[in-house]
Amino acid sequence: MKFLLLFLTLATCALAAPPAKYLSLKKVKAVTLSAKGANAVVVAEVDKGFHVQTNPAGAPNLIPTTLTVDAKEGIEAGAPVYPEGKKHLVPGLGTEIPTYEGKFEVKVPLKLAQGAKAGKATLEGTFRYQACNEKTCFFPMTIPFSVPVTLSP
């Protein structure tokens, strides 16, 4: 009976604890989108002691950081532009792979769609990454984000 009580207590604590994220996104600055186009800039900051995989990832079994933007009437989002990673020595493998550490930016080129009307819109998207420390790579995580956009054709 004591074992069952201990198990239930530990299980409840594990469920109640918020999951570690290893990375946070800064609030994305508003964008004014004109005929010239613009970039939405998503700023991520990796927690100290962790790194995330680059895009493309440095090895086939690693999951790359990916930024996805949902379709929105009046706005065409181009392919995200990922920064170059920093070389990171993987203990035990004796090899270096590119990773993101600290603060980094992913840019998304935006342009007005044909027939876009003036007004305000919110562009939604997701930021998916795999974080690792010196011993472990964790399950991939996804964070939603939004970009306030003023359309000015």
N, C-alpha and C. Protein backbone atom coordinates (compact mmCIF):
# COMPACT_ATOMS: atom_id res chain seq x y z
N MET A 1 0.82 -1.19 0.00
CA MET A 1 0.00 0.00 0.00
C MET A 1 0.87 1.26 0.00
N LYS A 2 1.98 1.24 0.80
CA LYS A 2 2.87 2.39 0.84
C LYS A 2 3.49 2.64 -0.53
N PHE A 3 3.83 1.55 -1.23
CA PHE A 3 4.42 1.67 -2.56
C PHE A 3 3.44 2.35 -3.52
N LEU A 4 2.18 1.94 -3.48
CA LEU A 4 1.15 2.51 -4.34
C LEU A 4 0.96 3.99 -4.04
N LEU A 5 0.93 4.36 -2.79
CA LEU A 5 0.78 5.76 -2.39
C LEU A 5 1.97 6.59 -2.88
N LEU A 6 3.17 6.06 -2.69
CA LEU A 6 4.37 6.75 -3.16
C LEU A 6 4.34 6.92 -4.68
N PHE A 7 3.96 5.87 -5.40
CA PHE A 7 3.88 5.93 -6.86
C PHE A 7 2.88 7.00 -7.31
N LEU A 8 1.71 7.02 -6.72
CA LEU A 8 0.68 8.00 -7.09
C LEU A 8 1.14 9.43 -6.78
N THR A 9 1.82 9.61 -5.67
CA THR A 9 2.33 10.94 -5.32
C THR A 9 3.37 11.40 -6.34
N LEU A 10 4.31 10.55 -6.68
CA LEU A 10 5.33 10.90 -7.67
C LEU A 10 4.72 11.15 -9.04
N ALA A 11 3.76 10.34 -9.43
CA ALA A 11 3.11 10.52 -10.73
C ALA A 11 2.37 11.85 -10.78
N THR A 12 1.70 12.21 -9.71
CA THR A 12 0.97 13.47 -9.66
C THR A 12 1.94 14.65 -9.76
N CYS A 13 3.05 14.57 -9.05
CA CYS A 13 4.05 15.64 -9.12
C CYS A 13 4.63 15.76 -10.53
N ALA A 14 4.88 14.66 -11.17
CA ALA A 14 5.43 14.69 -12.53
C ALA A 14 4.44 15.31 -13.50
N LEU A 15 3.16 15.02 -13.33
CA LEU A 15 2.15 15.59 -14.23
C LEU A 15 1.94 17.07 -13.96
N ALA A 16 2.09 17.49 -12.71
CA ALA A 16 1.85 18.88 -12.35
C ALA A 16 3.00 19.79 -12.76
N ALA A 17 4.20 19.27 -12.86
CA ALA A 17 5.37 20.09 -13.18
C ALA A 17 5.33 20.50 -14.65
N PRO A 18 5.56 21.79 -14.93
CA PRO A 18 5.59 22.21 -16.33
C PRO A 18 6.81 21.63 -17.03
N PRO A 19 6.69 21.28 -18.31
CA PRO A 19 7.84 20.71 -19.02
C PRO A 19 8.91 21.77 -19.26
N ALA A 20 10.16 21.36 -19.20
CA ALA A 20 11.27 22.26 -19.53
C ALA A 20 11.24 22.50 -21.03
N LYS A 21 11.52 23.72 -21.44
CA LYS A 21 11.45 24.02 -22.87
C LYS A 21 12.81 24.20 -23.51
N TYR A 22 13.81 24.56 -22.74
CA TYR A 22 15.18 24.70 -23.23
C TYR A 22 15.40 25.88 -24.16
N LEU A 23 14.31 26.53 -24.61
CA LEU A 23 14.40 27.62 -25.58
C LEU A 23 13.17 28.50 -25.41
N SER A 24 13.33 29.80 -25.63
CA SER A 24 12.18 30.70 -25.60
C SER A 24 12.22 31.58 -26.85
N LEU A 25 11.03 32.00 -27.27
CA LEU A 25 10.90 32.92 -28.40
C LEU A 25 10.58 34.30 -27.86
N LYS A 26 11.22 35.31 -28.42
CA LYS A 26 10.90 36.69 -28.08
C LYS A 26 9.65 37.09 -28.85
N LYS A 27 8.94 38.08 -28.36
CA LYS A 27 7.76 38.57 -29.06
C LYS A 27 8.21 39.10 -30.43
N VAL A 28 7.55 38.65 -31.48
CA VAL A 28 7.95 39.04 -32.84
C VAL A 28 7.46 40.46 -33.11
N LYS A 29 8.38 41.31 -33.57
CA LYS A 29 8.04 42.71 -33.85
C LYS A 29 7.05 42.79 -35.01
N ALA A 30 6.17 43.77 -34.92
CA ALA A 30 5.18 44.03 -35.97
C ALA A 30 5.90 44.36 -37.28
N VAL A 31 5.27 43.98 -38.38
CA VAL A 31 5.83 44.18 -39.72
C VAL A 31 4.85 45.01 -40.54
N THR A 32 5.37 46.00 -41.26
CA THR A 32 4.56 46.72 -42.25
C THR A 32 4.95 46.17 -43.60
N LEU A 33 3.98 45.60 -44.28
CA LEU A 33 4.23 44.92 -45.55
C LEU A 33 3.73 45.78 -46.70
N SER A 34 4.68 46.24 -47.51
CA SER A 34 4.36 47.05 -48.68
C SER A 34 4.75 46.28 -49.94
N ALA A 35 4.66 46.94 -51.08
CA ALA A 35 5.02 46.31 -52.35
C ALA A 35 6.50 45.89 -52.37
N LYS A 36 7.32 46.53 -51.55
CA LYS A 36 8.75 46.19 -51.48
C LYS A 36 8.99 44.88 -50.74
N GLY A 37 7.99 44.43 -49.97
CA GLY A 37 8.17 43.23 -49.16
C GLY A 37 8.77 43.58 -47.81
N ALA A 38 8.94 42.61 -46.98
CA ALA A 38 9.51 42.81 -45.64
C ALA A 38 9.93 41.45 -45.08
N ASN A 39 10.66 41.48 -43.99
CA ASN A 39 11.05 40.26 -43.29
C ASN A 39 10.40 40.21 -41.92
N ALA A 40 9.82 39.10 -41.58
CA ALA A 40 9.43 38.84 -40.20
C ALA A 40 10.65 38.18 -39.57
N VAL A 41 11.03 38.64 -38.39
CA VAL A 41 12.23 38.12 -37.73
C VAL A 41 11.81 37.45 -36.42
N VAL A 42 12.04 36.15 -36.35
CA VAL A 42 11.72 35.38 -35.15
C VAL A 42 13.03 35.20 -34.38
N VAL A 43 13.05 35.71 -33.15
CA VAL A 43 14.25 35.64 -32.32
C VAL A 43 14.06 34.56 -31.26
N ALA A 44 14.99 33.62 -31.25
CA ALA A 44 14.97 32.52 -30.28
C ALA A 44 16.16 32.67 -29.36
N GLU A 45 15.98 32.22 -28.11
CA GLU A 45 17.09 32.22 -27.17
C GLU A 45 17.15 30.87 -26.48
N VAL A 46 18.26 30.17 -26.68
CA VAL A 46 18.47 28.85 -26.10
C VAL A 46 18.99 29.02 -24.68
N ASP A 47 18.40 28.24 -23.76
CA ASP A 47 18.84 28.29 -22.37
C ASP A 47 20.31 27.92 -22.24
N LYS A 48 20.97 28.51 -21.26
CA LYS A 48 22.39 28.24 -21.01
C LYS A 48 22.58 26.75 -20.72
N GLY A 49 23.61 26.16 -21.31
CA GLY A 49 23.90 24.75 -21.11
C GLY A 49 23.24 23.83 -22.13
N PHE A 50 22.47 24.42 -23.06
CA PHE A 50 21.78 23.63 -24.09
C PHE A 50 22.15 24.17 -25.47
N HIS A 51 21.89 23.39 -26.46
CA HIS A 51 21.99 23.83 -27.85
C HIS A 51 20.85 23.17 -28.61
N VAL A 52 20.50 23.73 -29.77
CA VAL A 52 19.48 23.14 -30.63
C VAL A 52 20.09 22.87 -31.99
N GLN A 53 19.46 21.98 -32.71
CA GLN A 53 19.99 21.57 -34.02
C GLN A 53 19.77 22.68 -35.05
N THR A 54 20.70 22.79 -35.97
CA THR A 54 20.59 23.77 -37.04
C THR A 54 19.63 23.27 -38.12
N ASN A 55 19.41 24.11 -39.10
CA ASN A 55 18.65 23.70 -40.29
C ASN A 55 19.53 24.04 -41.49
N PRO A 56 20.00 23.01 -42.19
CA PRO A 56 19.78 21.58 -41.97
C PRO A 56 20.56 21.09 -40.74
N ALA A 57 20.09 19.98 -40.17
CA ALA A 57 20.74 19.39 -39.00
C ALA A 57 22.11 18.85 -39.40
N GLY A 58 23.00 18.76 -38.41
CA GLY A 58 24.37 18.34 -38.67
C GLY A 58 24.56 16.85 -38.87
N ALA A 59 23.52 16.05 -38.63
CA ALA A 59 23.61 14.59 -38.81
C ALA A 59 22.22 14.07 -39.16
N PRO A 60 22.14 12.96 -39.91
CA PRO A 60 20.85 12.44 -40.36
C PRO A 60 19.88 12.05 -39.24
N ASN A 61 20.39 11.66 -38.08
CA ASN A 61 19.50 11.23 -37.00
C ASN A 61 19.06 12.39 -36.10
N LEU A 62 19.49 13.61 -36.38
CA LEU A 62 19.10 14.77 -35.59
C LEU A 62 17.94 15.50 -36.26
N ILE A 63 17.13 16.16 -35.48
CA ILE A 63 15.94 16.84 -36.00
C ILE A 63 16.25 18.33 -36.13
N PRO A 64 16.13 18.88 -37.34
CA PRO A 64 16.49 20.28 -37.56
C PRO A 64 15.47 21.24 -36.93
N THR A 65 15.94 22.43 -36.63
CA THR A 65 15.06 23.52 -36.24
C THR A 65 14.26 23.90 -37.47
N THR A 66 12.94 24.01 -37.33
CA THR A 66 12.11 24.41 -38.48
C THR A 66 11.10 25.46 -38.05
N LEU A 67 10.92 26.41 -38.91
CA LEU A 67 9.94 27.46 -38.70
C LEU A 67 8.90 27.32 -39.80
N THR A 68 7.64 27.25 -39.42
CA THR A 68 6.55 27.09 -40.37
C THR A 68 5.56 28.23 -40.19
N VAL A 69 5.11 28.81 -41.31
CA VAL A 69 4.14 29.91 -41.27
C VAL A 69 2.87 29.44 -41.96
N ASP A 70 1.74 29.65 -41.29
CA ASP A 70 0.45 29.29 -41.86
C ASP A 70 0.06 30.28 -42.97
N ALA A 71 -0.67 29.80 -43.96
CA ALA A 71 -1.13 30.65 -45.06
C ALA A 71 -2.07 31.72 -44.50
N LYS A 72 -1.99 32.92 -45.08
CA LYS A 72 -2.86 34.03 -44.67
C LYS A 72 -3.21 34.83 -45.90
N GLU A 73 -4.49 35.11 -46.06
CA GLU A 73 -4.94 35.87 -47.23
C GLU A 73 -4.23 37.22 -47.30
N GLY A 74 -3.69 37.53 -48.47
CA GLY A 74 -3.02 38.80 -48.70
C GLY A 74 -1.52 38.76 -48.46
N ILE A 75 -1.01 37.66 -47.86
CA ILE A 75 0.41 37.58 -47.52
C ILE A 75 1.01 36.30 -48.10
N GLU A 76 2.16 36.45 -48.75
CA GLU A 76 2.91 35.29 -49.22
C GLU A 76 4.20 35.20 -48.40
N ALA A 77 4.36 34.08 -47.73
CA ALA A 77 5.56 33.87 -46.92
C ALA A 77 6.54 33.01 -47.71
N GLY A 78 7.77 33.47 -47.78
CA GLY A 78 8.82 32.71 -48.46
C GLY A 78 9.45 31.69 -47.54
N ALA A 79 10.45 31.00 -48.04
CA ALA A 79 11.16 29.99 -47.25
C ALA A 79 11.96 30.69 -46.15
N PRO A 80 11.91 30.17 -44.92
CA PRO A 80 12.68 30.76 -43.83
C PRO A 80 14.18 30.75 -44.15
N VAL A 81 14.87 31.76 -43.65
CA VAL A 81 16.31 31.88 -43.82
C VAL A 81 16.93 31.63 -42.44
N TYR A 82 17.60 30.50 -42.33
CA TYR A 82 18.20 30.09 -41.06
C TYR A 82 19.64 30.56 -40.99
N PRO A 83 20.11 30.93 -39.80
CA PRO A 83 21.51 31.34 -39.68
C PRO A 83 22.44 30.15 -39.76
N GLU A 84 23.69 30.43 -39.95
CA GLU A 84 24.70 29.38 -39.93
C GLU A 84 24.92 29.00 -38.46
N GLY A 85 25.15 27.74 -38.21
CA GLY A 85 25.37 27.29 -36.83
C GLY A 85 26.81 27.46 -36.40
N LYS A 86 27.01 27.28 -35.10
CA LYS A 86 28.36 27.30 -34.53
C LYS A 86 28.78 25.85 -34.33
N LYS A 87 30.04 25.56 -34.58
CA LYS A 87 30.56 24.20 -34.41
C LYS A 87 30.49 23.79 -32.94
N HIS A 88 29.99 22.60 -32.71
CA HIS A 88 29.86 22.07 -31.35
C HIS A 88 30.44 20.66 -31.32
N LEU A 89 31.41 20.44 -30.45
CA LEU A 89 32.03 19.13 -30.32
C LEU A 89 31.11 18.22 -29.52
N VAL A 90 30.74 17.08 -30.12
CA VAL A 90 29.87 16.11 -29.45
C VAL A 90 30.75 15.16 -28.65
N PRO A 91 30.63 15.21 -27.30
CA PRO A 91 31.46 14.32 -26.48
C PRO A 91 31.19 12.85 -26.81
N GLY A 92 32.23 12.08 -26.83
CA GLY A 92 32.07 10.64 -27.10
C GLY A 92 32.13 10.30 -28.58
N LEU A 93 31.72 11.21 -29.45
CA LEU A 93 31.77 10.94 -30.90
C LEU A 93 33.05 11.48 -31.53
N GLY A 94 33.60 12.49 -30.89
CA GLY A 94 34.83 13.08 -31.43
C GLY A 94 34.59 13.82 -32.72
N THR A 95 33.37 14.29 -32.95
CA THR A 95 33.05 15.01 -34.17
C THR A 95 32.32 16.30 -33.83
N GLU A 96 32.41 17.27 -34.73
CA GLU A 96 31.71 18.54 -34.54
C GLU A 96 30.48 18.59 -35.41
N ILE A 97 29.41 19.18 -34.87
CA ILE A 97 28.20 19.42 -35.66
C ILE A 97 27.80 20.88 -35.47
N PRO A 98 27.12 21.47 -36.46
CA PRO A 98 26.67 22.85 -36.29
C PRO A 98 25.43 22.89 -35.40
N THR A 99 25.40 23.84 -34.46
CA THR A 99 24.26 24.01 -33.56
C THR A 99 23.98 25.49 -33.37
N TYR A 100 22.81 25.78 -32.80
CA TYR A 100 22.48 27.14 -32.37
C TYR A 100 22.57 27.17 -30.86
N GLU A 101 23.22 28.19 -30.34
CA GLU A 101 23.32 28.41 -28.90
C GLU A 101 23.04 29.87 -28.62
N GLY A 102 22.58 30.18 -27.43
CA GLY A 102 22.31 31.57 -27.08
C GLY A 102 21.19 32.12 -27.95
N LYS A 103 21.35 33.37 -28.38
CA LYS A 103 20.31 34.05 -29.16
C LYS A 103 20.61 33.92 -30.65
N PHE A 104 19.57 33.62 -31.44
CA PHE A 104 19.71 33.57 -32.89
C PHE A 104 18.39 33.97 -33.55
N GLU A 105 18.46 34.34 -34.83
CA GLU A 105 17.28 34.82 -35.56
C GLU A 105 17.02 33.96 -36.79
N VAL A 106 15.73 33.77 -37.07
CA VAL A 106 15.29 33.14 -38.32
C VAL A 106 14.43 34.19 -39.02
N LYS A 107 14.75 34.47 -40.27
CA LYS A 107 14.00 35.48 -41.03
C LYS A 107 13.05 34.79 -41.99
N VAL A 108 11.86 35.39 -42.12
CA VAL A 108 10.87 34.88 -43.08
C VAL A 108 10.54 36.03 -44.03
N PRO A 109 10.94 35.90 -45.31
CA PRO A 109 10.61 36.95 -46.27
C PRO A 109 9.11 36.94 -46.56
N LEU A 110 8.51 38.13 -46.52
CA LEU A 110 7.08 38.27 -46.79
C LEU A 110 6.88 39.19 -47.98
N LYS A 111 5.84 38.92 -48.74
CA LYS A 111 5.45 39.85 -49.80
C LYS A 111 3.94 39.86 -49.90
N LEU A 112 3.45 40.95 -50.47
CA LEU A 112 2.00 41.08 -50.65
C LEU A 112 1.53 40.11 -51.72
N ALA A 113 0.43 39.47 -51.47
CA ALA A 113 -0.16 38.59 -52.48
C ALA A 113 -0.92 39.44 -53.49
N GLN A 114 -1.12 38.87 -54.65
CA GLN A 114 -1.88 39.56 -55.69
C GLN A 114 -3.26 39.93 -55.15
N GLY A 115 -3.65 41.19 -55.31
CA GLY A 115 -4.97 41.64 -54.88
C GLY A 115 -5.09 41.87 -53.38
N ALA A 116 -3.97 41.94 -52.66
CA ALA A 116 -4.03 42.18 -51.22
C ALA A 116 -4.65 43.53 -50.92
N LYS A 117 -5.45 43.57 -49.86
CA LYS A 117 -6.12 44.80 -49.45
C LYS A 117 -5.44 45.36 -48.21
N ALA A 118 -5.47 46.69 -48.10
CA ALA A 118 -4.88 47.35 -46.94
C ALA A 118 -5.61 46.91 -45.67
N GLY A 119 -4.86 46.81 -44.60
CA GLY A 119 -5.47 46.44 -43.32
C GLY A 119 -4.47 45.77 -42.41
N LYS A 120 -4.99 45.21 -41.35
CA LYS A 120 -4.15 44.52 -40.37
C LYS A 120 -4.45 43.02 -40.38
N ALA A 121 -3.42 42.25 -40.15
CA ALA A 121 -3.57 40.78 -40.12
C ALA A 121 -2.60 40.23 -39.08
N THR A 122 -2.83 39.01 -38.69
CA THR A 122 -1.90 38.32 -37.80
C THR A 122 -1.47 37.04 -38.48
N LEU A 123 -0.19 36.93 -38.67
CA LEU A 123 0.40 35.75 -39.28
C LEU A 123 0.75 34.77 -38.15
N GLU A 124 0.31 33.53 -38.26
CA GLU A 124 0.55 32.52 -37.23
C GLU A 124 1.59 31.52 -37.74
N GLY A 125 2.33 30.94 -36.82
CA GLY A 125 3.30 29.94 -37.21
C GLY A 125 3.76 29.11 -36.03
N THR A 126 4.66 28.17 -36.33
CA THR A 126 5.23 27.33 -35.28
C THR A 126 6.74 27.25 -35.45
N PHE A 127 7.42 27.07 -34.33
CA PHE A 127 8.86 26.97 -34.27
C PHE A 127 9.17 25.62 -33.61
N ARG A 128 9.75 24.70 -34.37
CA ARG A 128 10.03 23.35 -33.87
C ARG A 128 11.54 23.15 -33.76
N TYR A 129 11.96 22.54 -32.67
CA TYR A 129 13.39 22.37 -32.43
C TYR A 129 13.66 21.13 -31.60
N GLN A 130 14.91 20.66 -31.64
CA GLN A 130 15.37 19.59 -30.78
C GLN A 130 16.53 20.14 -29.96
N ALA A 131 16.34 20.14 -28.66
CA ALA A 131 17.38 20.65 -27.76
C ALA A 131 18.21 19.49 -27.22
N CYS A 132 19.47 19.79 -26.95
CA CYS A 132 20.39 18.81 -26.38
C CYS A 132 21.26 19.51 -25.35
N ASN A 133 21.78 18.72 -24.42
CA ASN A 133 22.85 19.20 -23.55
C ASN A 133 24.06 18.32 -23.84
N GLU A 134 25.02 18.28 -22.97
CA GLU A 134 26.24 17.51 -23.23
C GLU A 134 26.02 15.99 -23.18
N LYS A 135 24.91 15.55 -22.61
CA LYS A 135 24.68 14.12 -22.45
C LYS A 135 23.48 13.58 -23.21
N THR A 136 22.48 14.42 -23.44
CA THR A 136 21.20 13.92 -23.96
C THR A 136 20.61 14.87 -24.98
N CYS A 137 19.95 14.29 -25.99
CA CYS A 137 19.09 15.06 -26.88
C CYS A 137 17.65 14.74 -26.46
N PHE A 138 16.84 15.78 -26.33
CA PHE A 138 15.49 15.63 -25.83
C PHE A 138 14.49 15.53 -26.98
N PHE A 139 13.26 15.13 -26.63
CA PHE A 139 12.21 15.05 -27.65
C PHE A 139 12.02 16.43 -28.28
N PRO A 140 11.69 16.47 -29.57
CA PRO A 140 11.44 17.75 -30.22
C PRO A 140 10.26 18.47 -29.56
N MET A 141 10.31 19.80 -29.60
CA MET A 141 9.26 20.62 -29.03
C MET A 141 8.82 21.64 -30.07
N THR A 142 7.60 22.11 -29.93
CA THR A 142 7.04 23.10 -30.85
C THR A 142 6.45 24.26 -30.06
N ILE A 143 6.78 25.47 -30.47
CA ILE A 143 6.25 26.68 -29.83
C ILE A 143 5.49 27.48 -30.90
N PRO A 144 4.25 27.88 -30.61
CA PRO A 144 3.54 28.74 -31.56
C PRO A 144 4.03 30.19 -31.44
N PHE A 145 3.89 30.92 -32.53
CA PHE A 145 4.21 32.37 -32.49
C PHE A 145 3.25 33.09 -33.42
N SER A 146 3.21 34.40 -33.30
CA SER A 146 2.38 35.20 -34.20
C SER A 146 3.13 36.48 -34.56
N VAL A 147 2.80 37.02 -35.73
CA VAL A 147 3.42 38.24 -36.24
C VAL A 147 2.33 39.20 -36.61
N PRO A 148 2.23 40.36 -35.95
CA PRO A 148 1.27 41.39 -36.37
C PRO A 148 1.76 42.01 -37.68
N VAL A 149 0.88 42.05 -38.67
CA VAL A 149 1.27 42.57 -39.98
C VAL A 149 0.28 43.66 -40.41
N THR A 150 0.82 44.78 -40.84
CA THR A 150 0.01 45.84 -41.46
C THR A 150 0.25 45.76 -42.95
N LEU A 151 -0.83 45.48 -43.70
CA LEU A 151 -0.72 45.39 -45.16
C LEU A 151 -0.92 46.78 -45.74
N SER A 152 0.04 47.21 -46.55
CA SER A 152 0.02 48.54 -47.12
C SER A 152 0.34 48.47 -48.61
N PRO A 153 -0.64 48.00 -49.42
CA PRO A 153 -0.39 47.85 -50.86
C PRO A 153 -0.18 49.19 -51.57
